[in-house]
Amino acid sequence: LLHGGLLRKDLVLLAGDCGCGKSTFAANLAVNVALGRGWSEPETVLYFSNDSCRHVVLEKMIAAAGGAAVSDVRDAAFNCEQCKDLLEPANRILEAPIFIVDRDYCHGFLQSMAGIVDGSCIPGCWNKHMSDPPGLIIVDHVLLVRDRSRRFRSGRQHWRSVLARLKLLAVENNAVVVAVVPV
């Protein structure tokens, strides 16, 4: 489907129905990139999650690293035997260059996408916490809400503005940007 893989400066839209596995795929992609699987070497990943809190995103990433189902990761908290099997993948994830900005931290500004449209949500503001600039930026659940400022005449114009800003984010940071969009 990707004809050669993900290329830097690309914007990839990952769209589908709710519950079809978009966020799980994005978490798996983040793990593979951060651990250097399929890339020449590990890359820093910046993961914005407007849909889930940090521990849910981490559960998906640990499942991806350990080759387990997300439900097994959740069950491991109550089962010591399963916990032992997932300890090593969990440690790899915690040591990987993955930075998660979740919905609790974003305070809804990703929901309106105002931060991306206005350019105030740029990885540069997170670089003080990163050793390297991100090679992959995931924006999980790009949702548009009513444009209260009436800057945009239509929802289509608002989408164009958000997508243009995400593409600019990819180009400016020489990174792949993956936008997860519920349909």
C-alpha atoms as a PDB file:
ATOM      1  CA  LEU A   1       0.000   0.000   0.000  1.00  0.00           C
ATOM      2  CA  LEU A   2       2.796   2.442   0.791  1.00  0.00           C
ATOM      3  CA  HIS A   3       4.884   1.716  -2.348  1.00  0.00           C
ATOM      4  CA  GLY A   4       8.308   1.704  -0.727  1.00  0.00           C
ATOM      5  CA  GLY A   5       7.436   2.641   2.828  1.00  0.00           C
ATOM      6  CA  LEU A   6       7.138   5.877   4.714  1.00  0.00           C
ATOM      7  CA  LEU A   7       9.281   8.672   3.350  1.00  0.00           C
ATOM      8  CA  ARG A   8      10.463  11.736   5.213  1.00  0.00           C
ATOM      9  CA  LYS A   9       8.452  14.894   4.590  1.00  0.00           C
ATOM     10  CA  ASP A  10       5.348  12.789   3.877  1.00  0.00           C
ATOM     11  CA  LEU A  11       1.936  13.240   5.420  1.00  0.00           C
ATOM     12  CA  VAL A  12       0.104   9.924   5.770  1.00  0.00           C
ATOM     13  CA  LEU A  13      -3.592   9.893   6.621  1.00  0.00           C
ATOM     14  CA  LEU A  14      -4.723   6.766   8.439  1.00  0.00           C
ATOM     15  CA  ALA A  15      -8.513   6.859   8.246  1.00  0.00           C
ATOM     16  CA  GLY A  16     -11.200   4.350   9.097  1.00  0.00           C
ATOM     17  CA  ASP A  17     -14.207   3.476  11.198  1.00  0.00           C
ATOM     18  CA  CYS A  18     -14.042   3.603  14.980  1.00  0.00           C
ATOM     19  CA  GLY A  19     -12.628   0.401  16.454  1.00  0.00           C
ATOM     20  CA  CYS A  20     -10.944  -0.868  13.279  1.00  0.00           C
ATOM     21  CA  GLY A  21      -7.407  -0.621  14.706  1.00  0.00           C
ATOM     22  CA  LYS A  22      -6.073   2.749  13.516  1.00  0.00           C
ATOM     23  CA  SER A  23      -4.626   3.733  16.901  1.00  0.00           C
ATOM     24  CA  THR A  24      -3.222   0.257  17.477  1.00  0.00           C
ATOM     25  CA  PHE A  25      -1.541   0.390  14.062  1.00  0.00           C
ATOM     26  CA  ALA A  26      -0.144   3.856  14.872  1.00  0.00           C
ATOM     27  CA  ALA A  27       1.214   2.603  18.225  1.00  0.00           C
ATOM     28  CA  ASN A  28       2.789  -0.397  16.471  1.00  0.00           C
ATOM     29  CA  LEU A  29       4.353   1.920  13.897  1.00  0.00           C
ATOM     30  CA  ALA A  30       5.733   4.144  16.666  1.00  0.00           C
ATOM     31  CA  VAL A  31       7.318   1.141  18.409  1.00  0.00           C
ATOM     32  CA  ASN A  32       8.906  -0.183  15.229  1.00  0.00           C
ATOM     33  CA  VAL A  33      10.372   3.207  14.322  1.00  0.00           C
ATOM     34  CA  ALA A  34      11.614   3.945  17.868  1.00  0.00           C
ATOM     35  CA  LEU A  35      13.247   0.511  18.148  1.00  0.00           C
ATOM     36  CA  GLY A  36      14.781   0.732  14.674  1.00  0.00           C
ATOM     37  CA  ARG A  37      12.822  -2.123  13.129  1.00  0.00           C
ATOM     38  CA  GLY A  38      12.633  -1.608   9.387  1.00  0.00           C
ATOM     39  CA  TRP A  39      14.583   1.681   9.503  1.00  0.00           C
ATOM     40  CA  SER A  40      18.329   2.059   9.349  1.00  0.00           C
ATOM     41  CA  GLU A  41      18.484   3.015  13.029  1.00  0.00           C
ATOM     42  CA  PRO A  42      16.086   3.998  15.814  1.00  0.00           C
ATOM     43  CA  GLU A  43      14.301   7.312  15.373  1.00  0.00           C
ATOM     44  CA  THR A  44      12.727   9.631  17.909  1.00  0.00           C
ATOM     45  CA  VAL A  45       8.919   9.455  17.870  1.00  0.00           C
ATOM     46  CA  LEU A  46       6.540  12.195  18.986  1.00  0.00           C
ATOM     47  CA  TYR A  47       3.063  10.780  19.634  1.00  0.00           C
ATOM     48  CA  PHE A  48       0.160  13.195  20.186  1.00  0.00           C
ATOM     49  CA  SER A  49      -2.896  11.327  21.465  1.00  0.00           C
ATOM     50  CA  ASN A  50      -6.143  13.218  21.520  1.00  0.00           C
ATOM     51  CA  ASP A  51      -8.075   9.968  21.944  1.00  0.00           C
ATOM     52  CA  SER A  52      -6.397   8.104  24.807  1.00  0.00           C
ATOM     53  CA  CYS A  53      -4.469   8.823  27.949  1.00  0.00           C
ATOM     54  CA  ARG A  54      -0.787   7.912  28.224  1.00  0.00           C
ATOM     55  CA  HIS A  55      -1.216   4.530  29.906  1.00  0.00           C
ATOM     56  CA  VAL A  56      -3.607   3.291  27.185  1.00  0.00           C
ATOM     57  CA  VAL A  57      -1.123   4.329  24.482  1.00  0.00           C
ATOM     58  CA  LEU A  58       1.663   2.567  26.417  1.00  0.00           C
ATOM     59  CA  GLU A  59      -0.440  -0.605  26.698  1.00  0.00           C
ATOM     60  CA  LYS A  60      -0.777  -0.661  22.909  1.00  0.00           C
ATOM     61  CA  MET A  61       2.956  -0.064  22.469  1.00  0.00           C
ATOM     62  CA  ILE A  62       3.942  -2.797  24.946  1.00  0.00           C
ATOM     63  CA  ALA A  63       1.596  -5.206  23.171  1.00  0.00           C
ATOM     64  CA  ALA A  64       3.236  -4.320  19.852  1.00  0.00           C
ATOM     65  CA  ALA A  65       6.758  -4.769  21.245  1.00  0.00           C
ATOM     66  CA  GLY A  66       5.877  -8.054  22.956  1.00  0.00           C
ATOM     67  CA  GLY A  67       3.807  -9.547  20.156  1.00  0.00           C
ATOM     68  CA  ALA A  68       0.818  -9.768  22.503  1.00  0.00           C
ATOM     69  CA  ALA A  69      -2.788  -8.670  22.401  1.00  0.00           C
ATOM     70  CA  VAL A  70      -3.626  -5.408  24.164  1.00  0.00           C
ATOM     71  CA  SER A  71      -6.034  -7.358  26.397  1.00  0.00           C
ATOM     72  CA  ASP A  72      -3.095  -9.557  27.509  1.00  0.00           C
ATOM     73  CA  VAL A  73      -1.165  -6.459  28.547  1.00  0.00           C
ATOM     74  CA  ARG A  74      -4.142  -5.251  30.577  1.00  0.00           C
ATOM     75  CA  ASP A  75      -4.551  -8.721  32.163  1.00  0.00           C
ATOM     76  CA  ALA A  76      -0.840  -8.866  33.042  1.00  0.00           C
ATOM     77  CA  ALA A  77      -1.405  -6.290  35.761  1.00  0.00           C
ATOM     78  CA  PHE A  78      -3.347  -9.004  37.619  1.00  0.00           C
ATOM     79  CA  ASN A  79      -1.397 -12.090  36.529  1.00  0.00           C
ATOM     80  CA  CYS A  80       2.242 -12.401  37.614  1.00  0.00           C
ATOM     81  CA  GLU A  81       3.065 -15.044  34.971  1.00  0.00           C
ATOM     82  CA  GLN A  82       1.920 -12.836  32.092  1.00  0.00           C
ATOM     83  CA  CYS A  83       3.625  -9.875  33.724  1.00  0.00           C
ATOM     84  CA  LYS A  84       7.026 -11.637  33.532  1.00  0.00           C
ATOM     85  CA  ASP A  85       6.574 -12.249  29.796  1.00  0.00           C
ATOM     86  CA  LEU A  86       5.839  -8.580  29.126  1.00  0.00           C
ATOM     87  CA  LEU A  87       8.471  -7.092  31.421  1.00  0.00           C
ATOM     88  CA  GLU A  88      11.246  -7.072  28.824  1.00  0.00           C
ATOM     89  CA  PRO A  89       9.091  -5.487  26.049  1.00  0.00           C
ATOM     90  CA  ALA A  90       7.816  -2.913  28.558  1.00  0.00           C
ATOM     91  CA  ASN A  91      11.383  -1.968  29.499  1.00  0.00           C
ATOM     92  CA  ARG A  92      12.321  -1.607  25.818  1.00  0.00           C
ATOM     93  CA  ILE A  93       9.384   0.780  25.290  1.00  0.00           C
ATOM     94  CA  LEU A  94      10.207   2.833  28.371  1.00  0.00           C
ATOM     95  CA  GLU A  95      13.812   3.215  27.187  1.00  0.00           C
ATOM     96  CA  ALA A  96      12.898   3.934  23.552  1.00  0.00           C
ATOM     97  CA  PRO A  97      12.905   7.537  22.266  1.00  0.00           C
ATOM     98  CA  ILE A  98       9.113   7.850  22.310  1.00  0.00           C
ATOM     99  CA  PHE A  99       7.494  11.007  23.663  1.00  0.00           C
ATOM    100  CA  ILE A 100       3.750  10.785  24.316  1.00  0.00           C
ATOM    101  CA  VAL A 101       1.636  13.909  24.681  1.00  0.00           C
ATOM    102  CA  ASP A 102      -1.799  12.712  25.768  1.00  0.00           C
ATOM    103  CA  ARG A 103      -5.251  14.239  25.935  1.00  0.00           C
ATOM    104  CA  ASP A 104      -4.856  15.058  29.613  1.00  0.00           C
ATOM    105  CA  TYR A 105      -1.851  17.252  28.818  1.00  0.00           C
ATOM    106  CA  CYS A 106      -3.226  18.808  25.642  1.00  0.00           C
ATOM    107  CA  HIS A 107      -6.324  20.226  27.380  1.00  0.00           C
ATOM    108  CA  GLY A 108      -8.382  19.899  24.208  1.00  0.00           C
ATOM    109  CA  PHE A 109      -6.199  21.988  21.968  1.00  0.00           C
ATOM    110  CA  LEU A 110      -5.593  19.078  19.638  1.00  0.00           C
ATOM    111  CA  GLN A 111      -9.330  18.483  19.497  1.00  0.00           C
ATOM    112  CA  SER A 112      -9.841  21.841  17.844  1.00  0.00           C
ATOM    113  CA  MET A 113      -6.525  21.498  16.002  1.00  0.00           C
ATOM    114  CA  ALA A 114      -5.937  25.164  16.759  1.00  0.00           C
ATOM    115  CA  GLY A 115      -2.385  24.396  17.838  1.00  0.00           C
ATOM    116  CA  ILE A 116      -1.540  22.823  14.507  1.00  0.00           C
ATOM    117  CA  VAL A 117      -3.339  25.368  12.343  1.00  0.00           C
ATOM    118  CA  ASP A 118      -1.779  28.304  14.203  1.00  0.00           C
ATOM    119  CA  GLY A 119       1.654  26.709  14.339  1.00  0.00           C
ATOM    120  CA  SER A 120       1.877  26.825  18.124  1.00  0.00           C
ATOM    121  CA  CYS A 121       2.111  23.034  18.321  1.00  0.00           C
ATOM    122  CA  ILE A 122       5.485  22.367  16.700  1.00  0.00           C
ATOM    123  CA  PRO A 123       7.892  19.658  17.836  1.00  0.00           C
ATOM    124  CA  GLY A 124      10.499  22.334  18.453  1.00  0.00           C
ATOM    125  CA  CYS A 125       8.735  23.210  21.672  1.00  0.00           C
ATOM    126  CA  TRP A 126       9.215  19.597  22.807  1.00  0.00           C
ATOM    127  CA  ASN A 127      12.825  19.306  21.621  1.00  0.00           C
ATOM    128  CA  LYS A 128      14.161  20.399  25.003  1.00  0.00           C
ATOM    129  CA  HIS A 129      13.052  16.964  26.231  1.00  0.00           C
ATOM    130  CA  MET A 130      14.395  15.096  23.205  1.00  0.00           C
ATOM    131  CA  SER A 131      17.950  14.262  22.308  1.00  0.00           C
ATOM    132  CA  ASP A 132      17.128  14.167  18.577  1.00  0.00           C
ATOM    133  CA  PRO A 133      14.360  15.779  16.529  1.00  0.00           C
ATOM    134  CA  PRO A 134      11.519  13.375  15.752  1.00  0.00           C
ATOM    135  CA  GLY A 135      11.683  11.213  12.642  1.00  0.00           C
ATOM    136  CA  LEU A 136       8.039  10.273  13.109  1.00  0.00           C
ATOM    137  CA  ILE A 137       5.212  12.445  14.405  1.00  0.00           C
ATOM    138  CA  ILE A 138       1.851  10.784  15.026  1.00  0.00           C
ATOM    139  CA  VAL A 139      -1.274  12.834  15.633  1.00  0.00           C
ATOM    140  CA  ASP A 140      -3.804  10.302  16.872  1.00  0.00           C
ATOM    141  CA  HIS A 141      -7.388  11.279  16.252  1.00  0.00           C
ATOM    142  CA  VAL A 142      -7.521  14.469  14.263  1.00  0.00           C
ATOM    143  CA  LEU A 143     -10.957  15.840  15.001  1.00  0.00           C
ATOM    144  CA  LEU A 144     -12.465  19.112  13.934  1.00  0.00           C
ATOM    145  CA  VAL A 145     -14.911  20.877  16.169  1.00  0.00           C
ATOM    146  CA  ARG A 146     -17.089  23.840  15.403  1.00  0.00           C
ATOM    147  CA  ASP A 147     -15.091  26.812  14.270  1.00  0.00           C
ATOM    148  CA  ARG A 148     -16.233  29.307  16.903  1.00  0.00           C
ATOM    149  CA  SER A 149     -13.967  32.035  15.569  1.00  0.00           C
ATOM    150  CA  ARG A 150     -15.558  31.671  12.123  1.00  0.00           C
ATOM    151  CA  ARG A 151     -12.148  31.869  10.495  1.00  0.00           C
ATOM    152  CA  PHE A 152     -13.193  29.224   8.009  1.00  0.00           C
ATOM    153  CA  ARG A 153     -16.183  29.455   5.706  1.00  0.00           C
ATOM    154  CA  SER A 154     -16.637  25.681   5.673  1.00  0.00           C
ATOM    155  CA  GLY A 155     -15.497  22.454   7.278  1.00  0.00           C
ATOM    156  CA  ARG A 156     -13.680  21.629   4.050  1.00  0.00           C
ATOM    157  CA  GLN A 157     -11.634  24.825   4.300  1.00  0.00           C
ATOM    158  CA  HIS A 158     -10.829  23.983   7.936  1.00  0.00           C
ATOM    159  CA  TRP A 159      -9.661  20.474   6.915  1.00  0.00           C
ATOM    160  CA  ARG A 160      -7.476  21.936   4.158  1.00  0.00           C
ATOM    161  CA  SER A 161      -5.861  24.265   6.669  1.00  0.00           C
ATOM    162  CA  VAL A 162      -5.188  21.441   9.154  1.00  0.00           C
ATOM    163  CA  LEU A 163      -3.789  19.126   6.459  1.00  0.00           C
ATOM    164  CA  ALA A 164      -1.614  21.904   5.023  1.00  0.00           C
ATOM    165  CA  ARG A 165      -0.210  22.589   8.497  1.00  0.00           C
ATOM    166  CA  LEU A 166       0.473  18.887   9.095  1.00  0.00           C
ATOM    167  CA  LYS A 167       2.260  18.657   5.731  1.00  0.00           C
ATOM    168  CA  LEU A 168       4.317  21.735   6.638  1.00  0.00           C
ATOM    169  CA  LEU A 169       5.134  20.082   9.969  1.00  0.00           C
ATOM    170  CA  ALA A 170       6.495  17.078   8.061  1.00  0.00           C
ATOM    171  CA  VAL A 171       8.557  19.205   5.667  1.00  0.00           C
ATOM    172  CA  GLU A 172       9.943  21.608   8.296  1.00  0.00           C
ATOM    173  CA  ASN A 173      11.029  18.761  10.574  1.00  0.00           C
ATOM    174  CA  ASN A 174      12.162  16.333   7.852  1.00  0.00           C
ATOM    175  CA  ALA A 175       9.855  13.794   9.470  1.00  0.00           C
ATOM    176  CA  VAL A 176       6.990  11.508   8.572  1.00  0.00           C
ATOM    177  CA  VAL A 177       3.670  12.767   9.957  1.00  0.00           C
ATOM    178  CA  VAL A 178       0.907  10.211  10.420  1.00  0.00           C
ATOM    179  CA  ALA A 179      -2.554  11.622  11.099  1.00  0.00           C
ATOM    180  CA  VAL A 180      -5.144   9.198  12.477  1.00  0.00           C
ATOM    181  CA  VAL A 181      -8.589  10.281  11.341  1.00  0.00           C
ATOM    182  CA  PRO A 182     -11.833   8.634  12.467  1.00  0.00           C
ATOM    183  CA  VAL A 183     -14.423   8.401   9.689  1.00  0.00           C
END
